[in-house]
Amino acid sequence: MCCDIMDLGASIRKALNKITGKVIDEAAVKSLVKDLQRALLLGDVNVQLVYDLSKRIEKRSLSEKPDPGVSMNEHVLKIVYNELISLMGTGKKIELRPQKIMVCGLFGSGKTTQIGKIAKYLKVRGLGVGSICADVTRPAAFEQLQQLSEVVGCDFYGSKIEKKAENIVSDGLKKLKNEVIIADTSGRSALDEELIEELKRVEKAFKPDERILIISADIGQIAKKQAEEFDKAVGLTGIVVTKMDGSAKGGGALSAVAASGAKIMFLGTGEKIADIEEFNPEKFVGELLGVPDFEALMKKIREAAPEMEKEMKGIPEEFDLETFYKQMKSAKKMGPLKGILGNLGLSDVPKEILEESEKKLDIYEAIISSMTKDERKNPEIIKKSQLRIERIAKGSGTEPGSVKKFLAEFFKMKKVYEKLRKSKGLQKNLEKMLKGKGLGGLPFT
């Protein structure tokens, strides 16, 4: 998910770990509730929401009996899990059908960028998409949306001459014949009367099926007021919360939106055009608690590298540098390493280790790219030739020592790989894990 949001998750996991293996009595529950309160308040969740949540957790933990076969620890974890889901609210999926989408938001929310992401999301799912720039306030809005549309591969309409937003959307509807048309609207530093009136005129001319508000996660609790004000102005049907990759206030923003009664459609999780994901409260809370999400991991594999999924159905007979290179390239298509580890339930890996691992993969790729095909197939011949090592180092922009170190690490990996290939039991367990069978949920599901 993200670094600072995971700080909230780390605090919650730390609180839950304190009761692991202990007798769950009233004192233990009260101590847990106190730690959870501290974690949520530091995550900028509203004080009243935290108070109500902690009271429910305490009452249920002390009054409800665990189901047969469920330990008291698992019972309390289940209560915390369910209550946090309730706090974060329910999500809403955007329908994959012909429609008109009106997008609004204040300055700094990342509104135009998110339009590009939504367009990409819909386009890869088989819908023809067009965009209209009806933002007549921000000078760079036209060029930004035009460029994003080109990147995504969708049609674009805008006007640098027309100053009335409602006229632009009307003209855009005549020009664009796409299944889905997304209209960008003007923003302001605050929702004032002038903006409200403009949005109402655009809404009347455009007649959108969806009216989506873009909110930045770093505003925290204020998200509730923004959602309520925009809803009053145009009648919102969904929310996108952006900057979820680096905001300690993300939990506060999500819970605040939920408290407003609005439905969250997407989370913006990074700067790339593909960094958007459907909001799933169960998945979000699962990540906070460090619960593996193998289904999401396999989805990443299927979308980013279909050939990798095919490779994972069996263990190749030979593990050489050519095989390793292909697998590494496929793995990098799945996104940052922190996201993959998050899906595996490894959310607490230190940031510096993640960064070092990412750098290593880049160095590995450069080194292998500088090898001949014969060297990739037979890495043993590199070890025996200092000239080959020096040539590869020069070609990859590294030192001969780095090439030697990489080869040493590769041969260690190869030994592990060969052990895995010979062990039928390990292969079955790996395939079971990758399919998420029995491993993708909480211990009580």
Protein backbone atom coordinates (compact mmCIF):
# COMPACT_ATOMS: atom_id res chain seq x y z
CA MET A 1 0.00 0.00 0.00
CA CYS A 2 2.35 2.73 1.17
CA CYS A 3 5.07 3.77 3.55
CA ASP A 4 3.30 6.15 5.94
CA ILE A 5 -0.05 4.35 5.82
CA MET A 6 1.89 1.28 6.82
CA ASP A 7 3.17 3.23 9.82
CA LEU A 8 -0.45 3.20 10.96
CA GLY A 9 -0.58 -0.51 10.17
CA ALA A 10 2.68 -1.12 12.02
CA SER A 11 1.26 0.57 15.12
CA ILE A 12 -1.91 -1.53 14.95
CA ARG A 13 0.07 -4.75 14.39
CA LYS A 14 2.33 -3.88 17.31
CA ALA A 15 -0.71 -3.46 19.55
CA LEU A 16 -2.13 -6.82 18.44
CA ASN A 17 1.23 -8.57 18.84
CA LYS A 18 1.28 -7.60 22.52
CA ILE A 19 -1.65 -9.92 23.23
CA THR A 20 -0.35 -12.83 21.13
CA GLY A 21 0.13 -15.89 23.35
CA LYS A 22 -1.26 -14.12 26.41
CA VAL A 23 -4.38 -14.81 28.44
CA ILE A 24 -7.06 -12.46 27.14
CA ASP A 25 -8.65 -10.94 30.22
CA GLU A 26 -10.19 -7.53 30.88
CA ALA A 27 -6.80 -5.93 31.57
CA ALA A 28 -5.36 -7.26 28.28
CA VAL A 29 -8.37 -5.99 26.30
CA LYS A 30 -8.22 -2.55 27.89
CA SER A 31 -4.49 -2.33 27.17
CA LEU A 32 -5.11 -3.34 23.54
CA VAL A 33 -7.87 -0.76 23.16
CA LYS A 34 -5.61 1.95 24.56
CA ASP A 35 -2.84 1.08 22.08
CA LEU A 36 -5.33 1.01 19.18
CA GLN A 37 -6.67 4.43 20.22
CA ARG A 38 -3.16 5.86 20.17
CA ALA A 39 -2.39 4.36 16.73
CA LEU A 40 -5.62 5.64 15.16
CA LEU A 41 -5.34 9.11 16.64
CA LEU A 42 -1.77 9.39 15.35
CA GLY A 43 -3.20 8.29 11.97
CA ASP A 44 -5.43 11.39 12.10
CA VAL A 45 -8.68 9.47 12.59
CA ASN A 46 -11.42 11.60 14.17
CA VAL A 47 -11.45 11.49 17.99
CA GLN A 48 -15.16 10.62 18.25
CA LEU A 49 -14.81 7.85 15.67
CA VAL A 50 -11.85 6.40 17.58
CA TYR A 51 -13.75 6.59 20.88
CA ASP A 52 -16.83 4.83 19.44
CA LEU A 53 -14.70 2.19 17.73
CA SER A 54 -12.66 1.39 20.83
CA LYS A 55 -15.78 1.10 22.97
CA ARG A 56 -17.29 -1.41 20.53
CA ILE A 57 -14.07 -3.45 20.41
CA GLU A 58 -13.85 -3.53 24.19
CA LYS A 59 -17.50 -4.46 24.69
CA ARG A 60 -17.50 -7.20 22.03
CA SER A 61 -14.17 -8.66 23.15
CA LEU A 62 -15.38 -9.03 26.72
CA SER A 63 -18.97 -10.13 26.03
CA GLU A 64 -18.90 -12.27 22.88
CA LYS A 65 -17.75 -15.88 23.03
CA PRO A 66 -15.39 -17.26 20.35
CA ASP A 67 -16.77 -19.67 17.76
CA PRO A 68 -15.88 -23.35 18.24
CA GLY A 69 -12.25 -24.00 17.30
CA VAL A 70 -11.33 -20.30 17.39
CA SER A 71 -8.86 -19.12 20.04
CA MET A 72 -9.51 -16.01 22.10
CA ASN A 73 -6.62 -14.27 20.35
CA GLU A 74 -8.14 -15.00 16.94
CA HIS A 75 -11.56 -13.94 18.24
CA VAL A 76 -10.26 -10.51 19.31
CA LEU A 77 -8.34 -10.12 16.02
CA LYS A 78 -11.56 -10.85 14.12
CA ILE A 79 -13.43 -8.19 16.11
CA VAL A 80 -10.69 -5.61 15.45
CA TYR A 81 -10.68 -6.56 11.76
CA ASN A 82 -14.46 -6.21 11.38
CA GLU A 83 -14.63 -2.95 13.33
CA LEU A 84 -11.83 -1.39 11.28
CA ILE A 85 -13.66 -2.38 8.08
CA SER A 86 -16.75 -0.66 9.45
CA LEU A 87 -14.66 2.43 10.23
CA MET A 88 -13.24 2.61 6.69
CA GLY A 89 -16.67 2.29 5.07
CA THR A 90 -17.90 0.41 2.03
CA GLY A 91 -16.43 0.73 -1.42
CA LYS A 92 -18.21 1.17 -4.73
CA LYS A 93 -17.17 -0.33 -8.06
CA ILE A 94 -17.39 1.75 -11.19
CA GLU A 95 -19.59 0.03 -13.77
CA LEU A 96 -18.00 -1.17 -16.99
CA ARG A 97 -20.58 0.29 -19.38
CA PRO A 98 -21.09 3.31 -21.66
CA GLN A 99 -21.38 6.37 -19.43
CA LYS A 100 -20.47 10.00 -18.80
CA ILE A 101 -18.25 10.78 -15.82
CA MET A 102 -17.88 14.24 -14.30
CA VAL A 103 -14.78 14.70 -12.14
CA CYS A 104 -14.37 17.53 -9.63
CA GLY A 105 -11.97 18.52 -6.85
CA LEU A 106 -9.97 21.35 -5.32
CA PHE A 107 -6.47 22.46 -6.28
CA GLY A 108 -3.74 20.05 -5.24
CA SER A 109 -5.93 16.94 -5.13
CA GLY A 110 -4.44 15.44 -8.30
CA LYS A 111 -7.74 15.67 -10.18
CA THR A 112 -6.46 15.73 -13.76
CA THR A 113 -3.91 12.97 -13.14
CA GLN A 114 -6.62 10.72 -11.69
CA ILE A 115 -8.73 11.24 -14.82
CA GLY A 116 -5.87 9.75 -16.82
CA LYS A 117 -5.74 6.81 -14.40
CA ILE A 118 -9.49 6.20 -14.55
CA ALA A 119 -9.36 6.41 -18.35
CA LYS A 120 -6.57 3.82 -18.40
CA TYR A 121 -8.47 1.58 -15.96
CA LEU A 122 -11.56 1.61 -18.21
CA LYS A 123 -9.63 1.33 -21.47
CA VAL A 124 -7.75 -1.83 -20.47
CA ARG A 125 -11.13 -3.33 -19.62
CA GLY A 126 -12.31 -2.91 -23.17
CA LEU A 127 -14.11 0.45 -23.19
CA GLY A 128 -13.46 3.29 -25.64
CA VAL A 129 -12.70 6.44 -23.65
CA GLY A 130 -12.67 10.15 -24.47
CA SER A 131 -11.81 13.10 -22.23
CA ILE A 132 -13.01 16.70 -22.15
CA CYS A 133 -11.04 19.51 -20.53
CA ALA A 134 -13.70 21.76 -18.98
CA ASP A 135 -11.23 23.23 -16.48
CA VAL A 136 -11.19 26.89 -17.51
CA THR A 137 -9.34 28.07 -14.38
CA ARG A 138 -5.95 26.33 -14.29
CA PRO A 139 -3.76 27.40 -17.27
CA ALA A 140 -1.91 24.07 -17.60
CA ALA A 141 -5.03 21.88 -17.35
CA PHE A 142 -5.57 21.72 -21.14
CA GLU A 143 -2.02 20.57 -21.95
CA GLN A 144 -1.88 18.14 -19.01
CA LEU A 145 -5.11 16.34 -19.89
CA GLN A 146 -4.23 16.35 -23.59
CA GLN A 147 -0.86 14.71 -22.83
CA LEU A 148 -2.39 12.17 -20.44
CA SER A 149 -4.99 11.28 -23.06
CA GLU A 150 -2.22 10.63 -25.58
CA VAL A 151 -0.37 8.41 -23.10
CA VAL A 152 -3.52 6.42 -22.31
CA GLY A 153 -4.59 6.30 -25.95
CA CYS A 154 -7.99 7.95 -25.59
CA ASP A 155 -9.61 10.78 -27.55
CA PHE A 156 -9.45 14.35 -26.26
CA TYR A 157 -11.46 17.55 -26.66
CA GLY A 158 -10.82 21.00 -25.25
CA SER A 159 -10.80 24.67 -26.18
CA LYS A 160 -8.32 27.41 -25.35
CA ILE A 161 -10.72 30.08 -26.61
CA GLU A 162 -14.06 29.18 -25.00
CA LYS A 163 -14.27 30.39 -21.39
CA LYS A 164 -17.59 28.85 -20.39
CA ALA A 165 -17.11 25.31 -19.11
CA GLU A 166 -20.67 24.27 -19.91
CA ASN A 167 -20.20 25.22 -23.57
CA ILE A 168 -17.00 23.15 -23.75
CA VAL A 169 -18.71 19.99 -22.47
CA SER A 170 -21.63 20.52 -24.86
CA ASP A 171 -19.24 20.85 -27.82
CA GLY A 172 -17.19 17.89 -26.55
CA LEU A 173 -20.26 15.66 -26.47
CA LYS A 174 -20.88 16.49 -30.13
CA LYS A 175 -17.28 15.80 -31.14
CA LEU A 176 -16.52 12.67 -29.11
CA LYS A 177 -18.28 9.40 -29.92
CA ASN A 178 -16.63 7.19 -27.29
CA GLU A 179 -18.43 4.76 -25.00
CA VAL A 180 -17.12 6.56 -21.93
CA ILE A 181 -16.57 10.31 -21.78
CA ILE A 182 -14.82 11.86 -18.77
CA ALA A 183 -15.08 15.61 -18.14
CA ASP A 184 -12.44 17.46 -16.10
CA THR A 185 -13.84 20.49 -14.24
CA SER A 186 -12.33 23.58 -12.67
CA GLY A 187 -10.93 23.60 -9.17
CA ARG A 188 -10.32 26.26 -6.57
CA SER A 189 -8.45 26.63 -3.29
CA ALA A 190 -11.85 26.23 -1.62
CA LEU A 191 -15.39 25.42 -2.73
CA ASP A 192 -16.84 28.93 -3.17
CA GLU A 193 -20.13 30.09 -4.68
CA GLU A 194 -18.54 30.81 -8.07
CA LEU A 195 -17.23 27.25 -8.37
CA ILE A 196 -20.51 25.75 -7.14
CA GLU A 197 -22.47 27.61 -9.80
CA GLU A 198 -20.02 26.61 -12.52
CA LEU A 199 -20.20 22.94 -11.48
CA LYS A 200 -23.99 23.07 -11.54
CA ARG A 201 -23.97 24.50 -15.08
CA VAL A 202 -21.53 21.80 -16.24
CA GLU A 203 -23.63 19.10 -14.57
CA LYS A 204 -26.75 20.36 -16.32
CA ALA A 205 -25.07 20.46 -19.75
CA PHE A 206 -23.17 17.20 -19.37
CA LYS A 207 -25.84 15.10 -17.57
CA PRO A 208 -23.25 12.72 -16.08
CA ASP A 209 -23.96 9.18 -14.89
CA GLU A 210 -21.17 9.44 -12.32
CA ARG A 211 -20.08 12.51 -10.37
CA ILE A 212 -16.72 11.72 -8.80
CA LEU A 213 -14.81 13.84 -6.29
CA ILE A 214 -11.02 13.63 -6.04
CA ILE A 215 -9.72 14.09 -2.49
CA SER A 216 -6.08 14.11 -1.37
CA ALA A 217 -5.28 11.76 1.52
CA ASP A 218 -3.03 14.34 3.17
CA ILE A 219 -6.02 16.47 4.21
CA GLY A 220 -7.08 13.82 6.74
CA GLN A 221 -10.28 14.56 8.65
CA ILE A 222 -11.20 17.56 6.48
CA ALA A 223 -12.15 15.01 3.82
CA LYS A 224 -15.55 14.65 5.50
CA LYS A 225 -16.39 18.33 5.07
CA GLN A 226 -15.18 18.37 1.45
CA ALA A 227 -17.26 15.32 0.57
CA GLU A 228 -20.35 16.80 2.18
CA GLU A 229 -19.95 20.19 0.46
CA PHE A 230 -19.38 18.77 -3.02
CA ASP A 231 -22.22 16.29 -2.51
CA LYS A 232 -24.54 19.16 -1.65
CA ALA A 233 -23.40 21.04 -4.79
CA VAL A 234 -23.64 18.28 -7.44
CA GLY A 235 -24.76 15.05 -5.75
CA LEU A 236 -21.66 12.82 -5.62
CA THR A 237 -21.77 9.17 -6.67
CA GLY A 238 -18.18 8.28 -5.77
CA ILE A 239 -14.83 9.37 -4.32
CA VAL A 240 -11.21 8.81 -5.33
CA VAL A 241 -8.67 9.29 -2.52
CA THR A 242 -5.23 10.18 -3.91
CA LYS A 243 -1.68 10.25 -2.47
CA MET A 244 -2.24 7.06 -0.52
CA ASP A 245 1.41 6.18 -1.18
CA GLY A 246 2.81 8.76 1.21
CA SER A 247 0.29 10.25 3.62
CA ALA A 248 0.19 9.52 7.33
CA LYS A 249 -3.34 10.97 7.25
CA GLY A 250 -4.66 8.37 4.82
CA GLY A 251 -6.54 6.42 7.47
CA GLY A 252 -8.08 9.66 8.69
CA ALA A 253 -9.17 10.62 5.17
CA LEU A 254 -10.77 7.24 4.46
CA SER A 255 -12.65 7.09 7.75
CA ALA A 256 -13.74 10.73 7.33
CA VAL A 257 -15.14 10.02 3.86
CA ALA A 258 -16.96 6.98 5.24
CA ALA A 259 -18.44 9.12 8.01
CA SER A 260 -19.85 11.48 5.35
CA GLY A 261 -21.78 8.60 3.81
CA ALA A 262 -19.92 8.84 0.48
CA LYS A 263 -18.64 5.74 -1.31
CA ILE A 264 -14.95 5.37 -2.19
CA MET A 265 -14.29 3.97 -5.69
CA PHE A 266 -10.53 4.12 -6.04
CA LEU A 267 -7.29 4.81 -4.18
CA GLY A 268 -4.47 6.64 -5.96
CA THR A 269 -1.34 4.78 -4.85
CA GLY A 270 1.49 6.39 -6.81
CA GLU A 271 2.54 8.70 -9.62
CA LYS A 272 2.40 6.23 -12.54
CA ILE A 273 -0.68 6.01 -14.76
CA ALA A 274 -1.35 2.46 -13.54
CA ASP A 275 -1.09 3.40 -9.84
CA ILE A 276 -4.79 3.24 -9.05
CA GLU A 277 -6.70 0.43 -7.37
CA GLU A 278 -10.29 -0.33 -6.53
CA PHE A 279 -11.08 0.46 -2.92
CA ASN A 280 -11.73 -2.74 -1.04
CA PRO A 281 -12.10 -2.13 2.74
CA GLU A 282 -11.43 -5.79 3.56
CA LYS A 283 -8.19 -5.73 1.56
CA PHE A 284 -7.16 -2.34 2.98
CA VAL A 285 -7.68 -3.44 6.59
CA GLY A 286 -6.05 -6.79 5.81
CA GLU A 287 -2.93 -4.91 4.71
CA LEU A 288 -3.01 -2.81 7.87
CA LEU A 289 -3.10 -6.00 9.94
CA GLY A 290 -0.41 -7.69 7.82
CA VAL A 291 -2.70 -10.36 6.36
CA PRO A 292 -1.37 -11.87 3.09
CA ASP A 293 -3.35 -11.09 -0.04
CA PHE A 294 -2.26 -13.76 -2.53
CA GLU A 295 -5.26 -13.06 -4.74
CA ALA A 296 -4.01 -9.50 -5.32
CA LEU A 297 -0.50 -10.81 -5.94
CA MET A 298 -1.71 -13.24 -8.60
CA LYS A 299 -3.82 -10.47 -10.16
CA LYS A 300 -0.65 -8.37 -10.50
CA ILE A 301 1.10 -11.31 -12.12
CA ARG A 302 -1.75 -11.90 -14.57
CA GLU A 303 -2.06 -8.22 -15.56
CA ALA A 304 1.62 -7.30 -15.67
CA ALA A 305 3.23 -10.47 -16.95
CA PRO A 306 1.04 -13.30 -18.27
CA GLU A 307 4.16 -15.23 -19.21
CA MET A 308 5.24 -15.24 -15.54
CA GLU A 309 2.00 -16.87 -14.43
CA LYS A 310 2.63 -19.56 -17.04
CA GLU A 311 6.13 -20.12 -15.70
CA MET A 312 4.82 -20.50 -12.17
CA LYS A 313 2.60 -23.45 -13.08
CA GLY A 314 5.72 -25.60 -13.06
CA ILE A 315 9.39 -25.46 -12.08
CA PRO A 316 11.63 -25.23 -15.20
CA GLU A 317 14.22 -27.98 -15.53
CA GLU A 318 17.12 -25.56 -15.96
CA PHE A 319 17.80 -22.42 -13.93
CA ASP A 320 20.36 -20.33 -15.79
CA LEU A 321 20.91 -16.59 -16.12
CA GLU A 322 18.56 -16.47 -19.11
CA THR A 323 15.74 -17.91 -16.99
CA PHE A 324 16.58 -15.63 -14.07
CA TYR A 325 16.70 -12.59 -16.37
CA LYS A 326 13.23 -13.32 -17.82
CA GLN A 327 11.73 -13.87 -14.37
CA MET A 328 13.32 -10.70 -13.01
CA LYS A 329 12.01 -8.62 -15.93
CA SER A 330 8.54 -10.07 -15.42
CA ALA A 331 8.64 -9.42 -11.67
CA LYS A 332 9.59 -5.76 -12.20
CA LYS A 333 6.46 -5.27 -14.32
CA MET A 334 4.39 -6.05 -11.21
CA GLY A 335 5.41 -2.78 -9.59
CA PRO A 336 7.50 -1.72 -6.58
CA LEU A 337 8.86 -4.44 -4.31
CA LYS A 338 7.07 -2.97 -1.28
CA GLY A 339 3.70 -3.62 -2.93
CA ILE A 340 4.57 -7.25 -3.68
CA LEU A 341 5.81 -7.83 -0.12
CA GLY A 342 2.65 -6.17 1.20
CA ASN A 343 0.57 -8.75 -0.69
CA LEU A 344 2.65 -11.43 1.01
CA GLY A 345 1.87 -9.97 4.44
CA LEU A 346 5.43 -8.62 4.86
CA SER A 347 4.55 -4.99 5.47
CA ASP A 348 7.20 -4.30 8.09
CA VAL A 349 10.32 -4.77 5.96
CA PRO A 350 12.48 -1.66 6.63
CA LYS A 351 12.39 0.98 3.91
CA GLU A 352 16.18 1.02 3.53
CA ILE A 353 16.24 -2.73 2.85
CA LEU A 354 13.53 -2.33 0.19
CA GLU A 355 15.44 0.49 -1.49
CA GLU A 356 18.68 -1.52 -1.41
CA SER A 357 16.90 -4.53 -2.94
CA GLU A 358 15.43 -2.38 -5.74
CA LYS A 359 18.92 -1.02 -6.52
CA LYS A 360 20.34 -4.54 -6.57
CA LEU A 361 17.75 -5.68 -9.11
CA ASP A 362 18.67 -2.74 -11.37
CA ILE A 363 22.38 -3.65 -11.11
CA TYR A 364 21.61 -7.33 -11.79
CA GLU A 365 19.63 -6.40 -14.89
CA ALA A 366 22.46 -4.21 -16.22
CA ILE A 367 25.03 -6.96 -15.63
CA ILE A 368 22.99 -9.70 -17.35
CA SER A 369 22.15 -7.36 -20.25
CA SER A 370 25.89 -6.99 -20.90
CA MET A 371 26.40 -10.75 -21.28
CA THR A 372 26.27 -12.77 -24.47
CA LYS A 373 23.53 -15.36 -24.94
CA ASP A 374 26.09 -18.12 -24.47
CA GLU A 375 27.23 -16.58 -21.17
CA ARG A 376 23.67 -16.39 -19.90
CA LYS A 377 23.15 -20.06 -20.72
CA ASN A 378 26.53 -21.13 -19.31
CA PRO A 379 27.52 -18.71 -16.49
CA GLU A 380 30.33 -21.08 -15.46
CA ILE A 381 32.42 -19.80 -18.40
CA ILE A 382 32.32 -16.26 -16.95
CA LYS A 383 33.84 -17.34 -13.64
CA LYS A 384 36.82 -18.82 -15.46
CA SER A 385 37.59 -15.70 -17.52
CA GLN A 386 38.80 -12.41 -16.06
CA LEU A 387 38.49 -10.85 -19.53
CA ARG A 388 34.79 -11.72 -19.69
CA ILE A 389 34.24 -10.31 -16.20
CA GLU A 390 35.99 -7.04 -17.10
CA ARG A 391 34.04 -6.74 -20.37
CA ILE A 392 30.69 -7.31 -18.60
CA ALA A 393 31.61 -4.81 -15.87
CA LYS A 394 32.49 -2.16 -18.45
CA GLY A 395 29.30 -2.79 -20.42
CA SER A 396 27.08 -2.59 -17.33
CA GLY A 397 28.80 0.43 -15.78
CA THR A 398 29.88 -1.58 -12.72
CA GLU A 399 33.12 -2.88 -11.26
CA PRO A 400 34.56 -6.38 -11.84
CA GLY A 401 34.03 -7.02 -8.13
CA SER A 402 30.30 -6.36 -8.55
CA VAL A 403 30.10 -8.90 -11.38
CA LYS A 404 31.89 -11.51 -9.25
CA LYS A 405 29.60 -10.80 -6.31
CA PHE A 406 26.52 -11.15 -8.50
CA LEU A 407 27.75 -14.48 -9.89
CA ALA A 408 28.39 -15.77 -6.35
CA GLU A 409 24.85 -14.80 -5.31
CA PHE A 410 23.39 -16.33 -8.47
CA PHE A 411 25.04 -19.70 -7.85
CA LYS A 412 23.65 -19.66 -4.29
CA MET A 413 20.16 -19.03 -5.72
CA LYS A 414 20.69 -21.84 -8.20
CA LYS A 415 21.41 -24.32 -5.38
CA VAL A 416 18.18 -23.34 -3.62
CA TYR A 417 16.30 -23.60 -6.92
CA GLU A 418 17.64 -27.09 -7.58
CA LYS A 419 16.59 -28.22 -4.11
CA LEU A 420 13.11 -26.87 -4.76
CA ARG A 421 12.92 -28.65 -8.12
CA LYS A 422 13.85 -31.99 -6.51
CA SER A 423 11.34 -31.62 -3.65
CA LYS A 424 7.82 -32.51 -4.81
CA GLY A 425 6.37 -31.46 -1.44
CA LEU A 426 7.91 -27.99 -1.64
CA GLN A 427 6.67 -27.60 -5.21
CA LYS A 428 3.11 -28.46 -4.19
CA ASN A 429 3.22 -26.00 -1.29
CA LEU A 430 4.61 -23.25 -3.53
CA GLU A 431 1.94 -23.82 -6.17
CA LYS A 432 -0.74 -23.88 -3.47
CA MET A 433 0.57 -20.57 -2.06
CA LEU A 434 0.68 -18.92 -5.48
CA LYS A 435 -2.92 -19.96 -6.11
CA GLY A 436 -3.90 -18.54 -2.70
CA LYS A 437 -5.55 -21.79 -1.65
CA GLY A 438 -6.19 -21.66 2.07
CA LEU A 439 -3.51 -19.00 2.58
CA GLY A 440 -5.15 -15.80 1.42
CA GLY A 441 -7.35 -15.02 4.40
CA LEU A 442 -7.39 -14.39 8.09
CA PRO A 443 -7.01 -17.41 10.41
CA PHE A 444 -10.68 -17.26 11.27
CA THR A 445 -12.14 -17.07 7.75
